[in-house]
Amino acid sequence: MVKIVANGNEISILNKDSDYISLTDIAKYKNTDNPADIIKNWLRNRNTLEFLGTWEKMNNPNFKLVEFDGFRSQAGLNSFIMTPKKWIENTGAVGIKSSSGRYGGTYAHSDIAFEFASWISPEFKLYIIQDYQRLKQEEAYKNQIDWQVNRYISKLNYSIHTDAIKERLITPKLTKQQIRFTYANEADLLNVALYGMTAKEFKETYPDKKGNLRDNSTIEQLLIMNNLQTLNAEMIKNNIPSSKRLESLNKIALEQLSILQKNNQKALQQLKQLK
C-alpha cells in the first residue's frame, strides 16, 4: 500500500493490475467522522450510476446489465439507497471494492476515484491528481532504473557464461561458423529455458518489437536470467549434456518465477483481501 498527500490529506492506494484509490480517505475531506455516508450519497445519484455503469460496460464483461438497469430506474427517488456492498454484490462490479479489517474501506479504480473527487471538490481533485502524477513518475523512474541495473548485471554475467563455453565447448577444430553457432546455441538454450522460445522465434512472433528478447524482458525475467547464466556455466564446466542442462534450467526458471510471483502477491495482499 502506498499513500499520496493531497493538500495535507493522506489518501491510500492499493495496486494490483490497476490502482485502486481510497474513496473513504477522499470522503474524509468532507466528513471526517462519517465518510461512508458521503460515499452512499454519491452512489445514489443518477449521474453517478450512469458513470459507473458506463465504466463497467467498458471494462467488465461480467457486469450484470439487468440489475444495473433496475438501479438506474430507481436513482433519484427519495427512497433509493445505494451502498458499495449492494452495488458490488448485485451488479458484479469490479470498479469499486469494499472490505473491513486493517486495510478496510471503500476503494475504487483511479478513473472512478477521480470522478468521486470531482463531486467532493473540483479543487481537491486537482490536488489528488497532482500528487498521484508525482507518484506515477517516481514509480516509472524507479522501474526504469531497476530494469537497467538488472540488464547491466545480465550483460556482465554473460561473460561468465561465454568463458565457460569457450573453455569447454570451443575446440581448435571448429570453424568460425561453427563457433558462432555454438555461442548462439547456448544463448538460445537459456532463452528456451526461461522464455520458451529462441531469439529467432521471438523475432518471427513479435516482428514489431524493438530490440532482442532480453531487451523486452521484465525485471523478474532479467533477475532469473542472471541466475541461469551462472548455473549453466557451472553445468558446462561439469560436462553436463545440453538436453539435461535445458531440463534443469527450465525447472529452476519456473521455480524462481513462482517464488518471485509469490513475493509480489504478498506485497499486494491488502488488495486481495478486498471483496
Protein backbone atom coordinates (compact mmCIF):
# COMPACT_ATOMS: atom_id res chain seq x y z
CA MET A 1 0.00 0.00 0.00
CA VAL A 2 1.23 3.48 -0.83
CA LYS A 3 -0.12 6.90 0.07
CA ILE A 4 -0.36 10.23 -1.65
CA VAL A 5 -0.90 13.56 0.09
CA ALA A 6 -3.48 15.89 -1.40
CA ASN A 7 -3.41 19.32 0.20
CA GLY A 8 -2.34 17.78 3.52
CA ASN A 9 -4.78 14.84 3.35
CA GLU A 10 -3.36 11.30 3.19
CA ILE A 11 -5.03 9.01 0.65
CA SER A 12 -4.24 5.30 0.43
CA ILE A 13 -3.69 3.48 -2.86
CA LEU A 14 -3.75 -0.27 -3.42
CA ASN A 15 -2.16 -1.62 -6.56
CA LYS A 16 -2.56 -4.88 -8.44
CA ASP A 17 -3.17 -4.64 -12.17
CA SER A 18 -4.54 -1.12 -11.69
CA ASP A 19 -4.51 1.48 -8.94
CA TYR A 20 -7.45 1.49 -6.53
CA ILE A 21 -7.69 4.74 -4.58
CA SER A 22 -9.41 5.00 -1.21
CA LEU A 23 -12.80 6.68 -1.55
CA THR A 24 -13.00 6.56 2.23
CA ASP A 25 -9.93 8.78 2.55
CA ILE A 26 -11.23 11.15 -0.12
CA ALA A 27 -14.62 11.36 1.61
CA LYS A 28 -12.92 12.36 4.87
CA TYR A 29 -12.16 15.70 3.22
CA LYS A 30 -15.91 16.39 3.56
CA ASN A 31 -16.78 14.42 6.66
CA THR A 32 -14.03 13.04 8.88
CA ASP A 33 -16.39 11.21 11.22
CA ASN A 34 -18.75 9.58 8.70
CA PRO A 35 -17.04 9.18 5.31
CA ALA A 36 -19.24 6.17 4.49
CA ASP A 37 -22.31 8.43 4.42
CA ILE A 38 -20.64 10.68 1.84
CA ILE A 39 -19.97 7.68 -0.40
CA LYS A 40 -23.57 6.46 -0.07
CA ASN A 41 -24.93 9.86 -1.02
CA TRP A 42 -22.71 9.91 -4.09
CA LEU A 43 -23.77 6.40 -5.12
CA ARG A 44 -27.49 7.19 -5.01
CA ASN A 45 -27.01 9.98 -7.56
CA ARG A 46 -28.31 9.14 -11.04
CA ASN A 47 -25.32 10.72 -12.80
CA THR A 48 -23.02 8.63 -10.63
CA LEU A 49 -24.77 5.40 -11.58
CA GLU A 50 -24.65 6.35 -15.26
CA PHE A 51 -20.91 6.90 -14.99
CA LEU A 52 -20.30 3.69 -13.04
CA GLY A 53 -22.45 1.68 -15.43
CA THR A 54 -20.60 3.01 -18.46
CA TRP A 55 -17.22 2.26 -16.85
CA GLU A 56 -18.25 -1.30 -16.00
CA LYS A 57 -19.60 -1.93 -19.50
CA MET A 58 -16.26 -0.81 -20.93
CA ASN A 59 -14.07 -2.78 -18.51
CA ASN A 60 -16.10 -5.66 -17.08
CA PRO A 61 -17.54 -8.35 -19.37
CA ASN A 62 -19.38 -9.91 -16.41
CA PHE A 63 -21.24 -6.75 -15.46
CA LYS A 64 -24.94 -7.50 -14.84
CA LEU A 65 -26.85 -5.11 -17.07
CA VAL A 66 -30.34 -6.13 -15.96
CA GLU A 67 -29.56 -5.41 -12.32
CA PHE A 68 -27.89 -2.16 -13.32
CA ASP A 69 -30.95 -1.01 -15.26
CA GLY A 70 -33.07 -1.70 -12.19
CA PHE A 71 -30.89 0.52 -10.02
CA ARG A 72 -30.73 3.23 -12.67
CA SER A 73 -34.52 3.43 -12.85
CA GLN A 74 -34.70 3.99 -9.08
CA ALA A 75 -31.88 6.54 -8.88
CA GLY A 76 -33.01 9.96 -7.74
CA LEU A 77 -36.00 8.70 -5.75
CA ASN A 78 -36.08 9.72 -2.10
CA SER A 79 -36.43 6.09 -1.08
CA PHE A 80 -33.44 4.92 -3.12
CA ILE A 81 -30.44 3.82 -1.08
CA MET A 82 -27.15 2.54 -2.51
CA THR A 83 -24.06 1.25 -0.73
CA PRO A 84 -20.75 -0.03 -2.15
CA LYS A 85 -21.53 -3.56 -0.98
CA LYS A 86 -25.00 -3.50 -2.55
CA TRP A 87 -23.60 -2.21 -5.84
CA ILE A 88 -20.82 -4.80 -5.98
CA GLU A 89 -22.88 -7.82 -4.96
CA ASN A 90 -25.86 -7.10 -7.20
CA THR A 91 -24.11 -5.98 -10.39
CA GLY A 92 -20.81 -7.88 -10.21
CA ALA A 93 -18.98 -4.55 -10.43
CA VAL A 94 -15.17 -4.56 -10.33
CA GLY A 95 -14.50 -0.82 -10.38
CA ILE A 96 -15.29 -0.45 -6.68
CA LYS A 97 -14.03 -2.71 -3.88
CA SER A 98 -15.05 -2.68 -0.26
CA SER A 99 -13.87 -4.57 2.81
CA SER A 100 -13.43 -4.38 6.55
CA GLY A 101 -10.32 -5.01 8.59
CA ARG A 102 -6.91 -3.40 8.84
CA TYR A 103 -6.92 -2.12 5.29
CA GLY A 104 -10.67 -1.80 5.19
CA GLY A 105 -12.72 0.83 3.50
CA THR A 106 -14.02 1.54 0.03
CA TYR A 107 -11.56 1.70 -2.85
CA ALA A 108 -12.19 2.50 -6.49
CA HIS A 109 -10.31 2.35 -9.76
CA SER A 110 -8.49 5.64 -10.36
CA ASP A 111 -10.98 6.58 -13.12
CA ILE A 112 -13.83 6.31 -10.65
CA ALA A 113 -11.93 7.82 -7.73
CA PHE A 114 -11.21 10.98 -9.71
CA GLU A 115 -14.90 11.25 -10.62
CA PHE A 116 -15.80 10.93 -6.95
CA ALA A 117 -13.22 13.58 -6.08
CA SER A 118 -14.83 15.95 -8.60
CA TRP A 119 -18.14 15.51 -6.80
CA ILE A 120 -16.46 16.18 -3.45
CA SER A 121 -14.50 19.24 -4.60
CA PRO A 122 -13.03 20.13 -8.02
CA GLU A 123 -10.18 21.90 -6.25
CA PHE A 124 -9.42 18.86 -4.06
CA LYS A 125 -9.49 16.66 -7.17
CA LEU A 126 -6.67 18.72 -8.70
CA TYR A 127 -4.56 18.25 -5.57
CA ILE A 128 -5.17 14.49 -5.76
CA ILE A 129 -4.24 14.31 -9.43
CA GLN A 130 -1.11 16.40 -8.84
CA ASP A 131 0.34 14.09 -6.17
CA TYR A 132 -0.88 10.97 -7.99
CA GLN A 133 1.08 12.05 -11.08
CA ARG A 134 4.15 12.61 -8.91
CA LEU A 135 3.80 9.06 -7.57
CA LYS A 136 3.48 7.60 -11.06
CA GLN A 137 6.56 9.49 -12.25
CA GLU A 138 8.59 8.20 -9.31
CA GLU A 139 7.43 4.63 -9.93
CA ALA A 140 8.26 4.85 -13.63
CA TYR A 141 11.74 6.19 -12.87
CA LYS A 142 12.41 3.51 -10.25
CA ASN A 143 11.24 0.73 -12.58
CA GLN A 144 13.44 2.07 -15.36
CA ILE A 145 16.50 2.18 -13.08
CA ASP A 146 15.80 -1.32 -11.70
CA TRP A 147 15.45 -2.69 -15.23
CA GLN A 148 18.66 -1.02 -16.41
CA VAL A 149 20.63 -2.34 -13.43
CA ASN A 150 19.41 -5.90 -13.97
CA ARG A 151 20.09 -5.66 -17.71
CA TYR A 152 23.62 -4.43 -16.99
CA ILE A 153 24.22 -7.24 -14.48
CA SER A 154 22.87 -9.72 -17.02
CA LYS A 155 25.40 -8.49 -19.57
CA LEU A 156 28.23 -8.75 -17.03
CA ASN A 157 27.20 -12.27 -16.02
CA TYR A 158 27.07 -13.25 -19.67
CA SER A 159 30.88 -13.09 -19.77
CA ILE A 160 30.96 -15.89 -17.16
CA HIS A 161 28.71 -17.87 -19.45
CA THR A 162 30.74 -17.25 -22.62
CA ASP A 163 34.02 -18.04 -20.83
CA ALA A 164 32.66 -21.45 -19.85
CA ILE A 165 31.58 -22.07 -23.45
CA LYS A 166 34.99 -21.01 -24.75
CA GLU A 167 36.78 -23.22 -22.22
CA ARG A 168 34.69 -26.38 -22.60
CA LEU A 169 32.79 -26.32 -25.90
CA ILE A 170 35.06 -24.49 -28.34
CA THR A 171 37.82 -26.65 -29.81
CA PRO A 172 40.58 -25.77 -32.31
CA LYS A 173 38.88 -27.94 -34.94
CA LEU A 174 35.75 -25.79 -35.10
CA THR A 175 35.31 -23.35 -37.97
CA LYS A 176 34.33 -19.71 -37.34
CA GLN A 177 30.78 -20.53 -38.39
CA GLN A 178 30.65 -23.49 -36.01
CA ILE A 179 32.00 -21.32 -33.19
CA ARG A 180 29.32 -18.68 -33.80
CA PHE A 181 26.69 -21.44 -33.89
CA THR A 182 27.92 -22.85 -30.56
CA TYR A 183 27.65 -19.49 -28.79
CA ALA A 184 24.24 -18.77 -30.35
CA ASN A 185 23.01 -22.26 -29.49
CA GLU A 186 23.93 -21.85 -25.82
CA ALA A 187 22.31 -18.41 -25.69
CA ASP A 188 19.13 -19.91 -27.12
CA LEU A 189 19.27 -22.75 -24.62
CA LEU A 190 18.89 -20.11 -21.90
CA ASN A 191 16.18 -18.33 -23.89
CA VAL A 192 14.16 -21.52 -24.27
CA ALA A 193 14.64 -22.41 -20.59
CA LEU A 194 13.25 -19.05 -19.46
CA TYR A 195 11.09 -17.68 -22.28
CA GLY A 196 10.11 -20.85 -24.11
CA MET A 197 11.43 -19.60 -27.46
CA THR A 198 14.65 -18.89 -29.32
CA ALA A 199 15.84 -15.43 -30.38
CA LYS A 200 14.77 -16.17 -33.95
CA GLU A 201 11.33 -17.36 -32.86
CA PHE A 202 10.91 -14.15 -30.85
CA LYS A 203 11.65 -12.01 -33.90
CA GLU A 204 9.24 -14.03 -36.03
CA THR A 205 6.48 -13.95 -33.40
CA TYR A 206 6.89 -10.27 -32.50
CA PRO A 207 8.24 -8.52 -35.61
CA ASP A 208 7.19 -5.08 -34.34
CA LYS A 209 9.11 -5.34 -31.07
CA LYS A 210 12.27 -3.26 -30.83
CA GLY A 211 15.45 -4.90 -29.54
CA ASN A 212 16.07 -8.54 -28.76
CA LEU A 213 14.29 -10.93 -26.44
CA ARG A 214 16.13 -9.80 -23.32
CA ASP A 215 15.60 -6.12 -24.12
CA ASN A 216 11.87 -6.86 -23.82
CA SER A 217 12.16 -8.77 -20.54
CA THR A 218 10.63 -7.87 -17.21
CA ILE A 219 12.81 -7.14 -14.19
CA GLU A 220 11.92 -10.57 -12.80
CA GLN A 221 12.94 -12.32 -16.02
CA LEU A 222 16.28 -10.49 -16.09
CA LEU A 223 16.94 -11.47 -12.49
CA ILE A 224 16.27 -15.13 -13.28
CA MET A 225 18.39 -14.93 -16.45
CA ASN A 226 21.32 -13.72 -14.34
CA ASN A 227 20.99 -16.85 -12.23
CA LEU A 228 20.56 -19.18 -15.20
CA GLN A 229 23.70 -17.86 -16.90
CA THR A 230 25.82 -18.64 -13.84
CA LEU A 231 24.22 -22.05 -13.34
CA ASN A 232 24.62 -23.01 -16.99
CA ALA A 233 28.28 -22.01 -16.90
CA GLU A 234 28.85 -24.37 -13.98
CA MET A 235 26.99 -27.20 -15.69
CA ILE A 236 29.04 -26.71 -18.86
CA LYS A 237 32.23 -26.99 -16.78
CA ASN A 238 30.87 -30.24 -15.35
CA ASN A 239 30.31 -31.59 -18.87
CA ILE A 240 26.54 -31.98 -18.46
CA PRO A 241 24.83 -32.55 -21.85
CA SER A 242 22.76 -29.70 -23.27
CA SER A 243 19.50 -31.67 -23.08
CA LYS A 244 19.99 -32.26 -19.35
CA ARG A 245 21.00 -28.66 -18.80
CA LEU A 246 17.91 -27.37 -20.58
CA GLU A 247 15.66 -29.58 -18.48
CA SER A 248 17.29 -28.46 -15.22
CA LEU A 249 17.41 -24.77 -16.15
CA ASN A 250 13.77 -24.74 -17.20
CA LYS A 251 12.76 -26.30 -13.89
CA ILE A 252 14.84 -23.75 -11.97
CA ALA A 253 13.40 -20.87 -14.00
CA LEU A 254 9.84 -21.96 -13.24
CA GLU A 255 10.61 -22.39 -9.53
CA GLN A 256 12.25 -18.97 -9.25
CA LEU A 257 9.48 -17.29 -11.21
CA SER A 258 6.94 -18.86 -8.86
CA ILE A 259 8.86 -17.55 -5.84
CA LEU A 260 9.01 -14.02 -7.26
CA GLN A 261 5.30 -14.11 -8.05
CA LYS A 262 4.50 -15.26 -4.50
CA ASN A 263 6.57 -12.42 -3.10
CA ASN A 264 4.69 -9.97 -5.30
CA GLN A 265 1.40 -11.44 -4.14
CA LYS A 266 2.41 -10.96 -0.51
CA ALA A 267 3.22 -7.35 -1.22
CA LEU A 268 -0.26 -6.93 -2.67
CA GLN A 269 -2.18 -8.97 -0.10
CA GLN A 270 -4.10 -5.90 1.07
CA LEU A 271 -5.86 -5.70 -2.29
CA LYS A 272 -6.56 -9.44 -2.37
CA GLN A 273 -8.46 -9.07 0.89
CA LEU A 274 -10.94 -6.74 -0.76
CA LYS A 275 -14.15 -8.29 -1.98
